Amino acid sequence: IDFSDGAWGDTFHVSWMSQVWYPRIC
């Protein structure tokens, strides 16, 4: 968010944060 310099939600986004399922130790 800080890196976006106020443009968050406009030209900067985050994808839906997926939990790593495999490999299972991760």
PDB file of all heavy atoms in Angstrom:
ATOM      1  N   ILE A   1       0.830  -1.204   0.000  1.00  0.00           N
ATOM      2  CA  ILE A   1       0.000   0.000   0.000  1.00  0.00           C
ATOM      3  C   ILE A   1       0.864   1.255   0.000  1.00  0.00           C
ATOM      4  O   ILE A   1       0.601   2.208  -0.744  1.00  0.00           O
ATOM      5  CB  ILE A   1      -0.973  -0.013   1.196  1.00  0.00           C
ATOM      6  CG1 ILE A   1      -1.982  -1.165   1.044  1.00  0.00           C
ATOM      7  CG2 ILE A   1      -1.699   1.317   1.324  1.00  0.00           C
ATOM      8  CD1 ILE A   1      -2.840  -1.409   2.273  1.00  0.00           C
ATOM      9  N   ASP A   2       1.897   1.270   0.815  1.00  0.00           N
ATOM     10  CA  ASP A   2       2.800   2.425   0.869  1.00  0.00           C
ATOM     11  C   ASP A   2       3.505   2.648  -0.470  1.00  0.00           C
ATOM     12  O   ASP A   2       3.710   3.783  -0.896  1.00  0.00           O
ATOM     13  CB  ASP A   2       3.843   2.238   1.970  1.00  0.00           C
ATOM     14  CG  ASP A   2       3.253   2.337   3.377  1.00  0.00           C
ATOM     15  OD1 ASP A   2       2.130   2.877   3.508  1.00  0.00           O
ATOM     16  OD2 ASP A   2       3.907   1.881   4.330  1.00  0.00           O
ATOM     17  N   PHE A   3       3.854   1.564  -1.138  1.00  0.00           N
ATOM     18  CA  PHE A   3       4.541   1.662  -2.420  1.00  0.00           C
ATOM     19  C   PHE A   3       3.672   2.330  -3.477  1.00  0.00           C
ATOM     20  O   PHE A   3       4.183   2.964  -4.403  1.00  0.00           O
ATOM     21  CB  PHE A   3       4.981   0.271  -2.903  1.00  0.00           C
ATOM     22  CG  PHE A   3       5.838   0.296  -4.135  1.00  0.00           C
ATOM     23  CD1 PHE A   3       7.206   0.480  -4.042  1.00  0.00           C
ATOM     24  CD2 PHE A   3       5.275   0.140  -5.397  1.00  0.00           C
ATOM     25  CE1 PHE A   3       7.995   0.512  -5.180  1.00  0.00           C
ATOM     26  CE2 PHE A   3       6.056   0.167  -6.545  1.00  0.00           C
ATOM     27  CZ  PHE A   3       7.421   0.355  -6.432  1.00  0.00           C
ATOM     28  N   SER A   4       2.366   2.224  -3.333  1.00  0.00           N
ATOM     29  CA  SER A   4       1.448   2.781  -4.330  1.00  0.00           C
ATOM     30  C   SER A   4       1.370   4.302  -4.306  1.00  0.00           C
ATOM     31  O   SER A   4       0.813   4.922  -5.227  1.00  0.00           O
ATOM     32  CB  SER A   4       0.046   2.204  -4.125  1.00  0.00           C
ATOM     33  OG  SER A   4      -0.594   2.778  -2.990  1.00  0.00           O
ATOM     34  N   ASP A   5       1.901   4.928  -3.254  1.00  0.00           N
ATOM     35  CA  ASP A   5       1.892   6.399  -3.141  1.00  0.00           C
ATOM     36  C   ASP A   5       0.501   6.993  -3.302  1.00  0.00           C
ATOM     37  O   ASP A   5       0.301   7.979  -4.030  1.00  0.00           O
ATOM     38  CB  ASP A   5       2.847   7.030  -4.165  1.00  0.00           C
ATOM     39  CG  ASP A   5       4.309   6.785  -3.841  1.00  0.00           C
ATOM     40  OD1 ASP A   5       4.636   6.543  -2.656  1.00  0.00           O
ATOM     41  OD2 ASP A   5       5.138   6.817  -4.776  1.00  0.00           O
ATOM     42  N   GLY A   6      -0.476   6.377  -2.657  1.00  0.00           N
ATOM     43  CA  GLY A   6      -1.826   6.919  -2.676  1.00  0.00           C
ATOM     44  C   GLY A   6      -2.691   6.451  -3.821  1.00  0.00           C
ATOM     45  O   GLY A   6      -3.863   6.844  -3.920  1.00  0.00           O
ATOM     46  N   ALA A   7      -2.150   5.606  -4.706  1.00  0.00           N
ATOM     47  CA  ALA A   7      -2.923   5.127  -5.858  1.00  0.00           C
ATOM     48  C   ALA A   7      -3.523   3.751  -5.612  1.00  0.00           C
ATOM     49  O   ALA A   7      -3.942   3.073  -6.558  1.00  0.00           O
ATOM     50  CB  ALA A   7      -2.038   5.101  -7.107  1.00  0.00           C
ATOM     51  N   TRP A   8      -3.547   3.305  -4.358  1.00  0.00           N
ATOM     52  CA  TRP A   8      -4.063   1.984  -4.048  1.00  0.00           C
ATOM     53  C   TRP A   8      -5.557   1.896  -4.396  1.00  0.00           C
ATOM     54  O   TRP A   8      -6.336   2.782  -4.083  1.00  0.00           O
ATOM     55  CB  TRP A   8      -3.883   1.654  -2.576  1.00  0.00           C
ATOM     56  CG  TRP A   8      -4.192   0.206  -2.313  1.00  0.00           C
ATOM     57  CD1 TRP A   8      -5.358  -0.329  -1.872  1.00  0.00           C
ATOM     58  CD2 TRP A   8      -3.325  -0.897  -2.550  1.00  0.00           C
ATOM     59  NE1 TRP A   8      -5.275  -1.695  -1.807  1.00  0.00           N
ATOM     60  CE2 TRP A   8      -4.026  -2.072  -2.219  1.00  0.00           C
ATOM     61  CE3 TRP A   8      -2.016  -1.003  -3.012  1.00  0.00           C
ATOM     62  CZ2 TRP A   8      -3.470  -3.336  -2.339  1.00  0.00           C
ATOM     63  CZ3 TRP A   8      -1.461  -2.263  -3.130  1.00  0.00           C
ATOM     64  CH2 TRP A   8      -2.179  -3.408  -2.785  1.00  0.00           C
ATOM     65  N   GLY A   9      -5.936   0.796  -5.042  1.00  0.00           N
ATOM     66  CA  GLY A   9      -7.308   0.617  -5.458  1.00  0.00           C
ATOM     67  C   GLY A   9      -7.619   1.242  -6.795  1.00  0.00           C
ATOM     68  O   GLY A   9      -8.662   0.980  -7.393  1.00  0.00           O
ATOM     69  N   ASP A  10      -6.708   2.061  -7.293  1.00  0.00           N
ATOM     70  CA  ASP A  10      -6.866   2.697  -8.592  1.00  0.00           C
ATOM     71  C   ASP A  10      -6.001   1.965  -9.609  1.00  0.00           C
ATOM     72  O   ASP A  10      -6.510   1.247 -10.482  1.00  0.00           O
ATOM     73  CB  ASP A  10      -6.485   4.168  -8.505  1.00  0.00           C
ATOM     74  CG  ASP A  10      -6.665   4.902  -9.833  1.00  0.00           C
ATOM     75  OD1 ASP A  10      -7.337   4.363 -10.740  1.00  0.00           O
ATOM     76  OD2 ASP A  10      -6.129   6.014  -9.949  1.00  0.00           O
ATOM     77  N   THR A  11      -4.686   2.116  -9.472  1.00  0.00           N
ATOM     78  CA  THR A  11      -3.763   1.432 -10.365  1.00  0.00           C
ATOM     79  C   THR A  11      -2.909   0.389  -9.656  1.00  0.00           C
ATOM     80  O   THR A  11      -2.132  -0.316 -10.282  1.00  0.00           O
ATOM     81  CB  THR A  11      -2.846   2.443 -11.085  1.00  0.00           C
ATOM     82  OG1 THR A  11      -2.241   3.306 -10.117  1.00  0.00           O
ATOM     83  CG2 THR A  11      -3.644   3.279 -12.072  1.00  0.00           C
ATOM     84  N   PHE A  12      -3.040   0.294  -8.353  1.00  0.00           N
ATOM     85  CA  PHE A  12      -2.346  -0.716  -7.564  1.00  0.00           C
ATOM     86  C   PHE A  12      -3.370  -1.588  -6.842  1.00  0.00           C
ATOM     87  O   PHE A  12      -4.334  -1.077  -6.268  1.00  0.00           O
ATOM     88  CB  PHE A  12      -1.407  -0.080  -6.536  1.00  0.00           C
ATOM     89  CG  PHE A  12      -0.178   0.534  -7.127  1.00  0.00           C
ATOM     90  CD1 PHE A  12      -0.209   1.813  -7.664  1.00  0.00           C
ATOM     91  CD2 PHE A  12       1.027  -0.163  -7.145  1.00  0.00           C
ATOM     92  CE1 PHE A  12       0.923   2.390  -8.211  1.00  0.00           C
ATOM     93  CE2 PHE A  12       2.159   0.411  -7.684  1.00  0.00           C
ATOM     94  CZ  PHE A  12       2.105   1.684  -8.219  1.00  0.00           C
ATOM     95  N   HIS A  13      -3.137  -2.898  -6.882  1.00  0.00           N
ATOM     96  CA  HIS A  13      -4.092  -3.830  -6.282  1.00  0.00           C
ATOM     97  C   HIS A  13      -3.336  -5.000  -5.655  1.00  0.00           C
ATOM     98  O   HIS A  13      -2.140  -5.182  -5.859  1.00  0.00           O
ATOM     99  CB  HIS A  13      -5.057  -4.386  -7.346  1.00  0.00           C
ATOM    100  CG  HIS A  13      -5.672  -3.342  -8.211  1.00  0.00           C
ATOM    101  ND1 HIS A  13      -6.825  -2.677  -7.871  1.00  0.00           N
ATOM    102  CD2 HIS A  13      -5.287  -2.835  -9.413  1.00  0.00           C
ATOM    103  CE1 HIS A  13      -7.124  -1.813  -8.823  1.00  0.00           C
ATOM    104  NE2 HIS A  13      -6.216  -1.891  -9.772  1.00  0.00           N
ATOM    105  N   VAL A  14      -4.071  -5.815  -4.911  1.00  0.00           N
ATOM    106  CA  VAL A  14      -3.566  -7.088  -4.438  1.00  0.00           C
ATOM    107  C   VAL A  14      -4.553  -8.158  -4.878  1.00  0.00           C
ATOM    108  O   VAL A  14      -5.769  -7.946  -4.827  1.00  0.00           O
ATOM    109  CB  VAL A  14      -3.353  -7.113  -2.908  1.00  0.00           C
ATOM    110  CG1 VAL A  14      -4.671  -7.004  -2.174  1.00  0.00           C
ATOM    111  CG2 VAL A  14      -2.607  -8.374  -2.468  1.00  0.00           C
ATOM    112  N   SER A  15      -4.029  -9.259  -5.392  1.00  0.00           N
ATOM    113  CA  SER A  15      -4.923 -10.336  -5.782  1.00  0.00           C
ATOM    114  C   SER A  15      -5.494 -10.985  -4.538  1.00  0.00           C
ATOM    115  O   SER A  15      -4.979 -10.808  -3.433  1.00  0.00           O
ATOM    116  CB  SER A  15      -4.164 -11.392  -6.602  1.00  0.00           C
ATOM    117  OG  SER A  15      -3.288 -12.137  -5.758  1.00  0.00           O
ATOM    118  N   TRP A  16      -6.606 -11.725  -4.696  1.00  0.00           N
ATOM    119  CA  TRP A  16      -7.105 -12.483  -3.563  1.00  0.00           C
ATOM    120  C   TRP A  16      -5.980 -13.399  -3.082  1.00  0.00           C
ATOM    121  O   TRP A  16      -5.396 -14.148  -3.834  1.00  0.00           O
ATOM    122  CB  TRP A  16      -8.382 -13.242  -3.906  1.00  0.00           C
ATOM    123  CG  TRP A  16      -8.348 -14.055  -5.158  1.00  0.00           C
ATOM    124  CD1 TRP A  16      -8.423 -13.595  -6.438  1.00  0.00           C
ATOM    125  CD2 TRP A  16      -8.279 -15.477  -5.267  1.00  0.00           C
ATOM    126  NE1 TRP A  16      -8.365 -14.635  -7.331  1.00  0.00           N
ATOM    127  CE2 TRP A  16      -8.295 -15.807  -6.643  1.00  0.00           C
ATOM    128  CE3 TRP A  16      -8.202 -16.503  -4.349  1.00  0.00           C
ATOM    129  CZ2 TRP A  16      -8.224 -17.106  -7.126  1.00  0.00           C
ATOM    130  CZ3 TRP A  16      -8.136 -17.814  -4.816  1.00  0.00           C
ATOM    131  CH2 TRP A  16      -8.151 -18.100  -6.185  1.00  0.00           C
ATOM    132  N   MET A  17      -5.678 -13.233  -1.816  1.00  0.00           N
ATOM    133  CA  MET A  17      -4.481 -13.866  -1.259  1.00  0.00           C
ATOM    134  C   MET A  17      -4.710 -15.347  -1.012  1.00  0.00           C
ATOM    135  O   MET A  17      -5.365 -15.749  -0.052  1.00  0.00           O
ATOM    136  CB  MET A  17      -4.086 -13.141   0.019  1.00  0.00           C
ATOM    137  CG  MET A  17      -3.668 -11.690  -0.234  1.00  0.00           C
ATOM    138  SD  MET A  17      -3.442 -10.769   1.280  1.00  0.00           S
ATOM    139  CE  MET A  17      -5.152 -10.529   1.772  1.00  0.00           C
ATOM    140  N   SER A  18      -4.147 -16.158  -1.877  1.00  0.00           N
ATOM    141  CA  SER A  18      -4.383 -17.589  -1.798  1.00  0.00           C
ATOM    142  C   SER A  18      -3.425 -18.255  -0.818  1.00  0.00           C
ATOM    143  O   SER A  18      -2.229 -17.962  -0.792  1.00  0.00           O
ATOM    144  CB  SER A  18      -4.240 -18.230  -3.177  1.00  0.00           C
ATOM    145  OG  SER A  18      -2.977 -17.971  -3.736  1.00  0.00           O
ATOM    146  N   GLN A  19      -3.976 -19.120  -0.014  1.00  0.00           N
ATOM    147  CA  GLN A  19      -3.170 -19.913   0.907  1.00  0.00           C
ATOM    148  C   GLN A  19      -2.538 -21.058   0.128  1.00  0.00           C
ATOM    149  O   GLN A  19      -3.204 -21.753  -0.632  1.00  0.00           O
ATOM    150  CB  GLN A  19      -4.050 -20.454   2.034  1.00  0.00           C
ATOM    151  CG  GLN A  19      -3.297 -21.199   3.124  1.00  0.00           C
ATOM    152  CD  GLN A  19      -4.245 -21.686   4.218  1.00  0.00           C
ATOM    153  OE1 GLN A  19      -5.396 -21.245   4.303  1.00  0.00           O
ATOM    154  NE2 GLN A  19      -3.805 -22.605   5.065  1.00  0.00           N
ATOM    155  N   VAL A  20      -1.239 -21.269   0.296  1.00  0.00           N
ATOM    156  CA  VAL A  20      -0.541 -22.354  -0.384  1.00  0.00           C
ATOM    157  C   VAL A  20      -0.972 -23.690   0.216  1.00  0.00           C
ATOM    158  O   VAL A  20      -0.814 -23.920   1.418  1.00  0.00           O
ATOM    159  CB  VAL A  20       0.989 -22.194  -0.262  1.00  0.00           C
ATOM    160  CG1 VAL A  20       1.695 -23.418  -0.838  1.00  0.00           C
ATOM    161  CG2 VAL A  20       1.449 -20.930  -1.002  1.00  0.00           C
ATOM    162  N   TRP A  21      -1.510 -24.576  -0.625  1.00  0.00           N
ATOM    163  CA  TRP A  21      -1.964 -25.889  -0.161  1.00  0.00           C
ATOM    164  C   TRP A  21      -0.903 -26.960  -0.402  1.00  0.00           C
ATOM    165  O   TRP A  21      -0.751 -27.880   0.408  1.00  0.00           O
ATOM    166  CB  TRP A  21      -3.276 -26.276  -0.850  1.00  0.00           C
ATOM    167  CG  TRP A  21      -4.386 -25.319  -0.580  1.00  0.00           C
ATOM    168  CD1 TRP A  21      -4.895 -24.390  -1.431  1.00  0.00           C
ATOM    169  CD2 TRP A  21      -5.109 -25.154   0.644  1.00  0.00           C
ATOM    170  NE1 TRP A  21      -5.890 -23.659  -0.828  1.00  0.00           N
ATOM    171  CE2 TRP A  21      -6.047 -24.107   0.452  1.00  0.00           C
ATOM    172  CE3 TRP A  21      -5.074 -25.785   1.886  1.00  0.00           C
ATOM    173  CZ2 TRP A  21      -6.933 -23.686   1.437  1.00  0.00           C
ATOM    174  CZ3 TRP A  21      -5.945 -25.370   2.876  1.00  0.00           C
ATOM    175  CH2 TRP A  21      -6.869 -24.328   2.644  1.00  0.00           C
ATOM    176  N   TYR A  22      -0.214 -26.865  -1.531  1.00  0.00           N
ATOM    177  CA  TYR A  22       0.831 -27.833  -1.871  1.00  0.00           C
ATOM    178  C   TYR A  22       2.071 -27.108  -2.362  1.00  0.00           C
ATOM    179  O   TYR A  22       1.957 -26.090  -3.047  1.00  0.00           O
ATOM    180  CB  TYR A  22       0.330 -28.808  -2.947  1.00  0.00           C
ATOM    181  CG  TYR A  22      -0.791 -29.696  -2.476  1.00  0.00           C
ATOM    182  CD1 TYR A  22      -2.102 -29.391  -2.776  1.00  0.00           C
ATOM    183  CD2 TYR A  22      -0.518 -30.835  -1.729  1.00  0.00           C
ATOM    184  CE1 TYR A  22      -3.135 -30.193  -2.338  1.00  0.00           C
ATOM    185  CE2 TYR A  22      -1.551 -31.652  -1.289  1.00  0.00           C
ATOM    186  CZ  TYR A  22      -2.858 -31.331  -1.600  1.00  0.00           C
ATOM    187  OH  TYR A  22      -3.889 -32.131  -1.157  1.00  0.00           O
ATOM    188  N   PRO A  23       3.263 -27.641  -2.003  1.00  0.00           N
ATOM    189  CA  PRO A  23       3.473 -28.799  -1.134  1.00  0.00           C
ATOM    190  C   PRO A  23       2.972 -28.533   0.293  1.00  0.00           C
ATOM    191  O   PRO A  23       3.012 -27.392   0.774  1.00  0.00           O
ATOM    192  CB  PRO A  23       4.988 -28.998  -1.159  1.00  0.00           C
ATOM    193  CG  PRO A  23       5.552 -27.705  -1.593  1.00  0.00           C
ATOM    194  CD  PRO A  23       4.531 -27.038  -2.442  1.00  0.00           C
ATOM    195  N   ARG A  24       2.534 -29.584   0.953  1.00  0.00           N
ATOM    196  CA  ARG A  24       1.823 -29.443   2.222  1.00  0.00           C
ATOM    197  C   ARG A  24       2.698 -28.849   3.326  1.00  0.00           C
ATOM    198  O   ARG A  24       2.165 -28.223   4.248  1.00  0.00           O
ATOM    199  CB  ARG A  24       1.243 -30.786   2.656  1.00  0.00           C
ATOM    200  CG  ARG A  24       0.166 -31.307   1.707  1.00  0.00           C
ATOM    201  CD  ARG A  24      -0.404 -32.619   2.179  1.00  0.00           C
ATOM    202  NE  ARG A  24      -1.291 -32.437   3.324  1.00  0.00           N
ATOM    203  CZ  ARG A  24      -1.731 -33.414   4.092  1.00  0.00           C
ATOM    204  NH1 ARG A  24      -1.312 -34.643   3.883  1.00  0.00           N
ATOM    205  NH2 ARG A  24      -2.536 -33.179   5.110  1.00  0.00           N
ATOM    206  N   ILE A  25       4.017 -29.041   3.270  1.00  0.00           N
ATOM    207  CA  ILE A  25       4.874 -28.466   4.307  1.00  0.00           C
ATOM    208  C   ILE A  25       4.911 -26.947   4.239  1.00  0.00           C
ATOM    209  O   ILE A  25       5.345 -26.294   5.191  1.00  0.00           O
ATOM    210  CB  ILE A  25       6.314 -29.017   4.248  1.00  0.00           C
ATOM    211  CG1 ILE A  25       6.970 -28.700   2.890  1.00  0.00           C
ATOM    212  CG2 ILE A  25       6.347 -30.493   4.571  1.00  0.00           C
ATOM    213  CD1 ILE A  25       8.465 -28.988   2.855  1.00  0.00           C
ATOM    214  N   CYS A  26       4.466 -26.370   3.121  1.00  0.00           N
ATOM    215  CA  CYS A  26       4.416 -24.912   3.011  1.00  0.00           C
ATOM    216  C   CYS A  26       3.141 -24.323   3.595  1.00  0.00           C
ATOM    217  O   CYS A  26       3.080 -23.128   3.868  1.00  0.00           O
ATOM    218  CB  CYS A  26       4.549 -24.486   1.545  1.00  0.00           C
ATOM    219  SG  CYS A  26       6.190 -24.719   0.862  1.00  0.00           S
TER     220      CYS A  26
END
